Protein backbone atom coordinates (compact mmCIF):
# COMPACT_ATOMS: atom_id res chain seq x y z
CA MET A 1 44.75 27.36 110.20
CA ALA A 2 44.99 30.29 107.81
CA THR A 3 44.41 29.70 104.13
CA THR A 4 46.23 31.51 101.33
CA GLU A 5 44.19 32.65 98.38
CA VAL A 6 45.73 31.85 95.04
CA PRO A 7 45.12 34.68 92.54
CA LEU A 8 43.35 33.67 89.40
CA LEU A 9 45.38 33.87 86.21
CA VAL A 10 43.73 36.19 83.72
CA ASP A 11 44.12 35.48 80.07
CA GLU A 12 45.71 38.64 78.73
CA GLN A 13 46.15 37.44 75.18
CA VAL A 14 45.20 39.95 72.51
CA ASP A 15 42.07 39.01 70.55
CA LEU A 16 42.98 39.68 66.92
CA THR A 17 39.47 38.87 65.76
CA VAL A 18 38.29 42.38 66.57
CA TYR A 19 40.98 43.93 64.42
CA LEU A 20 40.34 41.52 61.56
CA GLN A 21 36.64 42.35 61.69
CA ALA A 22 37.45 46.05 61.59
CA LEU A 23 39.67 45.57 58.54
CA ARG A 24 37.04 43.43 56.81
CA ARG A 25 34.40 46.04 57.44
CA TYR A 26 36.47 49.10 56.45
CA TRP A 27 38.91 47.63 53.94
CA TRP A 28 37.75 50.16 51.38
CA LEU A 29 38.84 53.02 53.64
CA ALA A 30 42.40 51.70 54.05
CA LEU A 31 42.66 50.93 50.35
CA GLY A 32 41.15 54.28 49.37
CA LEU A 33 43.50 56.34 51.55
CA SER A 34 46.45 54.35 50.24
CA VAL A 35 45.44 55.13 46.64
CA VAL A 36 44.79 58.81 47.43
CA PHE A 37 48.15 59.25 49.13
CA ALA A 38 49.90 57.43 46.30
CA LEU A 39 48.21 59.68 43.73
CA ALA A 40 49.13 62.77 45.76
CA ALA A 41 52.75 61.65 45.94
CA ALA A 42 52.71 60.97 42.20
CA LEU A 43 51.28 64.43 41.42
CA VAL A 44 53.90 66.14 43.59
CA SER A 45 56.71 64.04 42.12
CA PHE A 46 55.66 64.45 38.47
CA LEU A 47 54.18 67.96 38.43
CA VAL A 48 55.57 69.95 41.37
CA LEU A 49 59.12 68.81 42.05
CA PRO A 50 61.53 69.76 39.25
CA PRO A 51 63.78 67.04 37.82
CA ILE A 52 67.39 67.10 38.99
CA TYR A 53 70.14 65.95 36.62
CA GLU A 54 73.66 65.06 37.64
CA ALA A 55 76.68 65.47 35.39
CA ARG A 56 80.05 63.99 36.33
CA ALA A 57 83.54 64.86 35.22
CA GLY A 58 86.75 63.44 36.65
CA VAL A 59 90.33 64.45 37.24
CA VAL A 60 92.97 62.00 38.39
CA HIS A 61 95.51 62.83 41.06
CA LEU A 62 98.90 61.67 39.85
CA GLY A 63 99.86 60.63 43.37
CA ALA A 64 103.39 60.28 44.72
CA GLN A 65 106.10 62.40 43.11
CA THR A 66 109.85 62.47 43.44
CA GLU A 67 111.06 65.82 44.68
CA LEU A 68 114.52 67.36 44.67
CA ASN A 69 115.16 69.55 47.72
CA PHE A 70 117.87 72.08 48.44
CA ASP A 71 119.58 69.89 51.12
CA PRO A 72 120.22 68.21 48.41
CA LYS A 73 118.29 64.93 48.79
CA PHE A 74 115.69 63.02 46.86
CA LYS A 75 112.45 62.66 48.70
CA THR A 76 109.55 60.45 47.71
CA THR A 77 106.21 61.68 48.97
CA THR A 78 104.81 59.32 51.60
CA SER A 79 101.25 57.97 51.53
CA GLY A 80 100.31 60.30 54.36
CA ASP A 81 101.52 63.26 52.31
CA VAL A 82 99.53 62.03 49.32
CA ASN A 83 96.34 61.83 51.38
CA SER A 84 96.97 65.29 52.78
CA ARG A 85 97.54 66.72 49.30
CA ARG A 86 94.42 64.96 48.02
CA GLN A 87 92.34 66.53 50.79
CA SER A 88 93.78 69.92 49.89
CA LEU A 89 92.72 69.36 46.30
CA VAL A 90 89.18 68.56 47.42
CA THR A 91 89.05 71.83 49.34
CA LEU A 92 90.57 73.78 46.46
CA SER A 93 88.11 72.28 43.96
CA THR A 94 85.20 74.33 45.33
CA SER A 95 87.17 77.41 46.39
CA SER A 96 86.07 80.86 45.33
CA ILE A 97 89.03 81.11 42.95
CA VAL A 98 88.03 78.04 40.93
CA VAL A 99 84.32 78.93 40.99
CA ALA A 100 85.08 82.47 39.80
CA GLU A 101 87.05 81.02 36.88
CA ILE A 102 84.09 78.79 35.97
CA ILE A 103 81.77 81.80 35.93
CA LYS A 104 84.27 83.68 33.77
CA THR A 105 84.67 80.72 31.39
CA LEU A 106 80.96 80.02 30.86
CA GLY A 107 79.79 83.63 30.90
CA GLY A 108 76.36 83.90 29.31
CA GLN A 109 75.88 80.13 29.23
CA LEU A 110 75.14 80.23 32.96
CA PRO A 111 71.65 81.16 34.17
CA GLU A 112 71.49 84.49 35.94
CA LYS A 113 71.01 82.94 39.38
CA LEU A 114 74.17 80.80 39.02
CA ARG A 115 76.45 83.75 38.27
CA ASP A 116 76.95 84.21 42.00
CA ILE A 117 79.87 82.33 43.58
CA GLN A 118 77.90 80.96 46.53
CA ALA A 119 74.94 79.94 44.37
CA LEU A 120 77.17 78.02 41.96
CA GLN A 121 79.04 76.37 44.83
CA GLY A 122 75.71 74.97 46.03
CA THR A 123 75.41 72.83 42.87
CA MET A 124 78.95 71.40 43.07
CA LYS A 125 80.29 68.45 45.02
CA THR A 126 83.65 66.62 44.94
CA VAL A 127 83.82 62.91 45.70
CA VAL A 128 87.15 61.10 46.17
CA SER A 129 87.32 57.63 44.63
CA GLY A 130 90.90 56.42 44.99
CA ASP A 131 93.09 58.62 42.82
CA LEU A 132 90.05 59.91 40.94
CA LEU A 133 88.33 63.12 42.01
CA GLU A 134 84.76 63.01 40.72
CA LEU A 135 83.38 66.49 40.10
CA THR A 136 79.58 66.23 40.23
CA VAL A 137 77.11 68.97 39.37
CA GLN A 138 73.39 68.75 40.08
CA TYR A 139 70.99 71.09 38.30
CA SER A 140 67.53 71.08 36.71
CA ASP A 141 68.91 71.59 33.16
CA PRO A 142 71.07 68.65 31.96
CA ARG A 143 73.00 70.72 29.41
CA VAL A 144 73.83 73.39 31.97
CA ALA A 145 74.96 70.69 34.41
CA MET A 146 77.21 69.17 31.72
CA ALA A 147 78.67 72.57 30.78
CA ILE A 148 79.44 73.40 34.41
CA ALA A 149 81.05 70.00 35.07
CA ASN A 150 83.33 70.21 32.00
CA ALA A 151 84.30 73.82 32.65
CA TRP A 152 84.93 72.92 36.28
CA ALA A 153 87.22 69.99 35.38
CA LYS A 154 89.27 72.05 32.93
CA ASP A 155 89.56 75.16 35.11
CA PHE A 156 90.34 73.03 38.16
CA GLU A 157 93.07 71.18 36.26
CA THR A 158 94.58 74.43 35.04
CA SER A 159 94.36 76.12 38.45
CA VAL A 160 95.87 73.20 40.36
CA ASN A 161 98.68 72.58 37.90
CA GLN A 162 99.56 76.26 37.85
CA THR A 163 99.42 76.49 41.64
CA TYR A 164 101.53 73.37 42.24
CA ALA A 165 103.75 73.75 39.18
CA ARG A 166 107.27 72.55 39.89
CA GLY A 167 110.60 73.52 38.39
CA ARG A 168 113.30 76.13 38.83
CA GLU A 169 112.35 77.76 35.55
CA ASP A 170 108.86 78.59 36.87
CA LEU A 171 110.06 80.80 39.71
CA PRO A 172 110.27 84.13 37.76
CA ASN A 173 106.84 83.56 36.27
CA VAL A 174 105.36 82.68 39.66
CA GLU A 175 106.97 85.70 41.29
CA GLN A 176 105.50 87.89 38.54
CA GLN A 177 102.09 86.37 39.24
CA ALA A 178 102.53 87.06 42.93
CA THR A 179 103.47 90.66 42.22
CA GLN A 180 100.46 91.13 39.98
CA ALA A 181 98.22 89.44 42.53
CA ARG A 182 99.51 91.74 45.26
CA GLN A 183 98.90 94.80 43.10
CA ASN A 184 95.36 93.59 42.37
CA TYR A 185 94.74 93.07 46.07
CA LEU A 186 96.09 96.50 47.01
CA ALA A 187 93.96 98.11 44.29
CA ALA A 188 90.86 96.27 45.52
CA GLU A 189 91.64 97.19 49.12
CA GLU A 190 92.16 100.85 48.20
CA ALA A 191 88.88 100.91 46.27
CA LEU A 192 87.06 99.51 49.30
CA ILE A 193 88.74 101.97 51.67
CA ASN A 194 87.89 104.93 49.41
CA PHE A 195 84.30 103.82 49.16
CA THR A 196 84.08 103.31 52.93
CA ARG A 197 85.59 106.75 53.52
CA THR A 198 82.93 108.47 51.41
CA SER A 199 80.13 106.00 52.04
CA GLN A 200 77.00 107.12 53.83
CA VAL A 201 75.81 103.65 54.74
CA GLU A 202 75.78 104.27 58.49
CA GLN A 203 74.20 107.70 58.07
CA LEU A 204 71.55 106.23 55.78
CA LYS A 205 70.85 103.45 58.28
CA GLN A 206 70.34 106.05 60.99
CA ARG A 207 68.12 108.18 58.76
CA VAL A 208 66.02 105.16 57.80
CA LYS A 209 65.69 104.23 61.47
CA THR A 210 64.72 107.81 62.37
CA GLN A 211 62.13 107.97 59.58
CA GLN A 212 60.67 104.64 60.67
CA GLU A 213 60.46 105.93 64.24
CA VAL A 214 58.68 109.08 63.02
CA LEU A 215 56.06 107.02 61.21
CA ALA A 216 55.70 104.71 64.21
CA ASP A 217 55.33 107.71 66.55
CA THR A 218 52.68 109.19 64.26
CA GLY A 219 50.71 105.95 64.38
CA ALA A 220 51.07 105.77 68.15
CA THR A 221 49.91 109.39 68.43
CA LEU A 222 46.80 108.66 66.37
CA ARG A 223 45.97 105.69 68.60
CA ALA A 224 46.49 107.84 71.70
CA ILE A 225 44.17 110.52 70.31
CA ASP A 226 41.53 107.87 69.55
CA ARG A 227 41.67 106.66 73.13
CA LEU A 228 41.48 110.24 74.49
CA VAL A 229 38.48 111.04 72.29
CA ALA A 230 36.69 107.85 73.36
CA ASP A 231 37.39 108.48 77.05
CA THR A 232 36.39 112.15 76.79
CA ARG A 233 33.09 111.24 75.11
CA ALA A 234 32.36 108.66 77.79
CA LEU A 235 33.12 111.20 80.51
CA HIS A 236 31.01 113.81 78.72
CA GLN A 237 28.06 111.42 78.74
CA GLN A 238 28.46 110.85 82.48
CA VAL A 239 28.65 114.59 83.21
CA ALA A 240 25.72 115.48 80.94
CA THR A 241 23.36 113.00 82.67
CA ALA A 242 23.39 114.95 85.96
CA PRO A 243 25.28 112.44 88.12
CA SER A 244 24.19 111.67 91.61
CA ALA A 245 26.22 112.66 94.64
CA ALA A 246 27.53 109.11 94.93
CA GLU A 247 28.82 109.20 91.34
CA VAL A 248 30.43 112.63 91.54
CA THR A 249 33.58 111.39 93.29
CA GLN A 250 34.24 108.66 90.76
CA ILE A 251 33.55 110.99 87.82
CA SER A 252 35.82 113.61 89.36
CA ASN A 253 38.66 111.10 89.63
CA ASN A 254 38.12 110.01 86.04
CA LEU A 255 38.13 113.64 84.89
CA SER A 256 41.39 114.36 86.71
CA THR A 257 43.01 111.30 85.17
CA LEU A 258 41.81 112.30 81.71
CA LEU A 259 43.21 115.83 82.10
CA LEU A 260 46.57 114.44 83.22
CA ARG A 261 46.70 112.15 80.17
CA ALA A 262 45.69 114.99 77.85
CA GLN A 263 48.31 117.29 79.39
CA ALA A 264 51.02 114.62 78.97
CA TYR A 265 50.00 114.17 75.33
CA THR A 266 50.07 117.94 74.81
CA ASN A 267 53.54 118.23 76.31
CA LEU A 268 54.77 115.50 73.97
CA ILE A 269 53.32 117.26 70.92
CA GLN A 270 54.76 120.63 72.02
CA SER A 271 58.22 119.12 72.46
CA ASN A 272 58.12 117.60 68.95
CA ASN A 273 56.32 120.39 67.08
CA PRO A 274 55.11 123.34 69.16
CA ALA A 275 53.35 124.90 66.16
CA THR A 276 50.84 122.06 65.94
CA ALA A 277 49.99 121.79 69.66
CA GLN A 278 46.73 123.65 70.39
CA THR A 279 45.38 121.62 73.30
CA GLY A 280 47.37 123.04 76.20
CA PRO A 281 45.72 126.49 76.64
CA PHE A 282 42.27 124.97 76.49
CA LEU A 283 43.12 122.41 79.17
CA LEU A 284 43.79 125.26 81.57
CA GLN A 285 40.17 126.40 81.15
CA ILE A 286 38.69 123.04 82.23
CA ASP A 287 37.98 123.09 85.94
CA PRO A 288 37.03 119.77 87.55
CA ALA A 289 35.32 121.76 90.33
CA LYS A 290 32.54 122.66 87.88
CA LEU A 291 31.34 119.06 88.17
CA ARG A 292 29.53 119.88 91.40
CA THR A 293 28.35 123.39 90.57
CA GLN A 294 28.17 123.76 86.78
CA PRO A 295 28.04 120.28 85.17
CA LEU A 296 26.48 121.53 81.94
CA GLU A 297 29.23 124.10 81.42
CA LEU A 298 31.83 121.39 82.12
CA ALA A 299 30.15 119.21 79.49
CA GLN A 300 30.51 122.06 76.99
CA ASP A 301 34.20 122.35 77.86
CA LEU A 302 34.61 118.63 77.24
CA ASP A 303 32.90 119.09 73.85
CA GLY A 304 35.51 121.69 72.97
CA LEU A 305 38.29 119.36 74.05
CA ILE A 306 36.89 116.63 71.81
CA VAL A 307 36.85 119.06 68.87
CA ILE A 308 40.51 119.96 69.45
CA PHE A 309 41.52 116.30 69.63
CA GLU A 310 39.64 115.52 66.43
CA GLN A 311 41.26 118.48 64.65
CA ARG A 312 44.67 117.19 65.66
CA ARG A 313 43.77 113.68 64.49
CA THR A 314 42.57 115.04 61.13
CA ALA A 315 45.81 116.97 60.70
CA LEU A 316 47.91 113.88 61.36
CA GLN A 317 45.77 111.77 59.02
CA ASP A 318 46.14 114.38 56.28
CA THR A 319 49.92 114.29 56.75
CA LEU A 320 49.98 110.53 56.41
CA ALA A 321 47.64 110.66 53.39
CA LYS A 322 50.08 112.89 51.50
CA GLY A 323 52.64 110.08 51.71
CA ASP A 324 55.64 112.41 51.98
CA ASP A 325 57.06 110.49 54.95
CA TRP A 326 56.58 107.13 53.24
CA GLN A 327 58.11 108.41 50.00
CA SER A 328 61.09 109.77 51.90
CA LEU A 329 61.51 106.41 53.65
CA SER A 330 61.37 104.54 50.33
CA GLN A 331 64.00 106.82 48.81
CA LEU A 332 66.30 106.38 51.80
CA GLN A 333 65.90 102.61 51.71
CA ALA A 334 66.63 102.49 47.96
CA GLU A 335 69.75 104.62 48.40
CA LEU A 336 70.87 102.48 51.34
CA GLU A 337 70.37 99.28 49.35
CA GLY A 338 72.41 100.64 46.45
CA GLN A 339 75.33 101.65 48.63
CA THR A 340 75.20 98.40 50.60
CA SER A 341 75.24 96.39 47.37
CA ARG A 342 78.24 98.36 46.11
CA GLN A 343 80.06 97.81 49.41
CA ASN A 344 79.39 94.06 49.23
CA GLN A 345 80.72 93.92 45.66
CA LEU A 346 83.92 95.72 46.64
CA THR A 347 84.34 93.50 49.69
CA GLN A 348 83.89 90.34 47.63
CA ALA A 349 86.41 91.60 45.05
CA ARG A 350 88.90 92.40 47.83
CA ASP A 351 88.46 88.96 49.42
CA LEU A 352 88.86 87.22 46.07
CA ALA A 353 92.05 89.19 45.37
CA TRP A 354 93.34 88.31 48.83
CA ASP A 355 92.67 84.59 48.28
CA THR A 356 94.49 84.76 44.96
CA TYR A 357 97.46 86.58 46.47
CA ASN A 358 97.75 84.10 49.35
CA THR A 359 97.59 81.12 46.98
CA VAL A 360 100.25 82.48 44.65
CA SER A 361 102.44 83.58 47.58
CA ARG A 362 102.39 80.05 48.98
CA LYS A 363 103.29 78.81 45.55
CA VAL A 364 106.33 81.14 45.43
CA GLU A 365 107.57 79.83 48.76
CA GLU A 366 107.06 76.24 47.62
CA VAL A 367 109.08 76.82 44.45
CA LYS A 368 111.84 78.49 46.45
CA VAL A 369 112.04 75.65 48.97
CA ALA A 370 111.65 72.74 46.56
CA ASN A 371 113.15 72.83 43.10
CA ASN A 372 110.97 69.98 41.89
CA VAL A 373 110.84 68.27 38.59
CA SER A 374 108.10 69.92 36.57
CA SER A 375 105.03 67.68 36.53
CA ASP A 376 101.28 68.00 36.55
CA GLU A 377 99.49 67.48 39.85
CA VAL A 378 96.17 66.47 38.31
CA ARG A 379 95.01 65.55 34.84
CA LEU A 380 91.61 65.54 33.19
CA ALA A 381 90.38 61.95 33.05
CA LEU A 382 86.65 62.04 32.32
CA GLU A 383 84.58 64.59 30.46
CA ALA A 384 80.95 64.99 31.44
CA THR A 385 78.12 64.16 29.07
CA ALA A 386 74.58 65.45 29.20
CA PRO A 387 72.62 63.13 31.52
CA SER A 388 69.62 61.57 29.86
CA LYS A 389 67.73 60.65 33.02
CA PRO A 390 67.23 62.70 36.17
CA ILE A 391 68.45 61.37 39.50
CA GLY A 392 65.59 62.98 41.37
CA PRO A 393 63.00 63.24 42.54
CA ARG A 394 62.74 59.48 43.18
CA LYS A 395 59.17 59.15 41.97
CA GLY A 396 58.74 55.44 42.59
CA LEU A 397 59.99 55.66 46.15
CA ASN A 398 57.80 58.71 46.79
CA ILE A 399 54.73 56.88 45.47
CA ILE A 400 55.47 53.79 47.57
CA ALA A 401 56.01 55.92 50.66
CA GLY A 402 52.75 57.78 49.98
CA ALA A 403 50.83 54.54 49.51
CA ALA A 404 52.30 53.07 52.68
CA SER A 405 51.45 56.20 54.66
CA GLY A 406 47.87 56.16 53.35
CA LEU A 407 47.53 52.45 54.17
CA VAL A 408 48.73 52.96 57.76
CA LEU A 409 46.41 55.92 58.21
CA GLY A 410 43.52 53.93 56.69
CA VAL A 411 44.08 50.98 59.07
CA LEU A 412 44.16 53.32 62.07
CA ALA A 413 41.01 55.03 60.83
CA ALA A 414 39.30 51.63 60.46
CA PHE A 415 40.11 50.74 64.06
CA VAL A 416 38.83 54.13 65.30
CA LEU A 417 35.61 53.86 63.27
CA SER A 418 35.04 50.34 64.55
CA ALA A 419 35.46 51.48 68.13
CA THR A 420 33.15 54.47 67.72
CA SER A 421 30.48 52.50 65.80
CA GLY A 422 29.86 50.07 68.69
CA MET A 423 32.01 47.10 67.70
CA LYS A 424 34.04 45.42 70.40
CA TYR A 425 37.48 47.02 70.41
């Protein structure tokens, strides 16, 4: 009768004693790394990372309004319309029009790097809290942050109320604004077109590219000459040592290859600048057949070829040393940068004028369609004050995270050291 073997159950429980022994033995390592990482996080938080201050201003959206339409009917704005309008206000709050007004209002109070529309937009954020639109500005200087937030709230209030101003009496004024905005746009567009018509940006780009290719070709030519000189010297040494009959075939093949490479290089130089190519006529005087009959004379011919290559290399090095090509490239790049910068300025001015014209044009159509009761859309509710404490970096959290990271790394290191030092792991 067959018997069935019952497999033994193996105790697979983890023995925590080993880990506790490792921690008892190397507790100083875990604690030390935790302290070091905490100190490193503290140094970075206190000395490296700049403090960030946040200033808040607020404008309140006045919500639902009663409108008088041409049908004629009274219409009360629905909640969905209010939410849609509120979202439009959030988008408008950081538009280039509002940001440009802030830059114009503050002027010299703004640091140089914040006088760019995109740079200033990076410090601004709008948060919707019910009917309140919180305009928050984060910057390393608390007074600058406060100034930006207050200017933002006031300019935003003015811009929105002018854009969404209601009332039949506003139509002539709005139409005049639209006319002026259109004239400004056409003037900006004409300035950009005139500049583009006379601009040499594309020509300068091509000239810069050509000059860069010339310098790159010169460097490639020098490297090619270096390789030809090295190969010619090696071949000269083989010819001068009176090769055996078995080596003549290989040396002959190498010589033919070298002459083909030298001839190709010479043709390239002649095509670019025939006046500087002096290698070609001499190549015609080198006869590979002399390898078998007159090896010493062939070695002398190779010496002459080396001299010609070295003369050409010296001439190219002298040309580079003068720096005329590099100076010409620098001048072209400076001129290209100036014209590109001017083109970008004109393009930005044209785009800003176009945004303004579109906004005012929509306003004209709105006034024509809806002869609303004149009322403000938003109103300044909170003025920003200079923050006394920075919101970042979060030093305490950084220190705790650093200490925790050091502690984890120290525990792992203790286990590894215990395993490598012979303890049971």
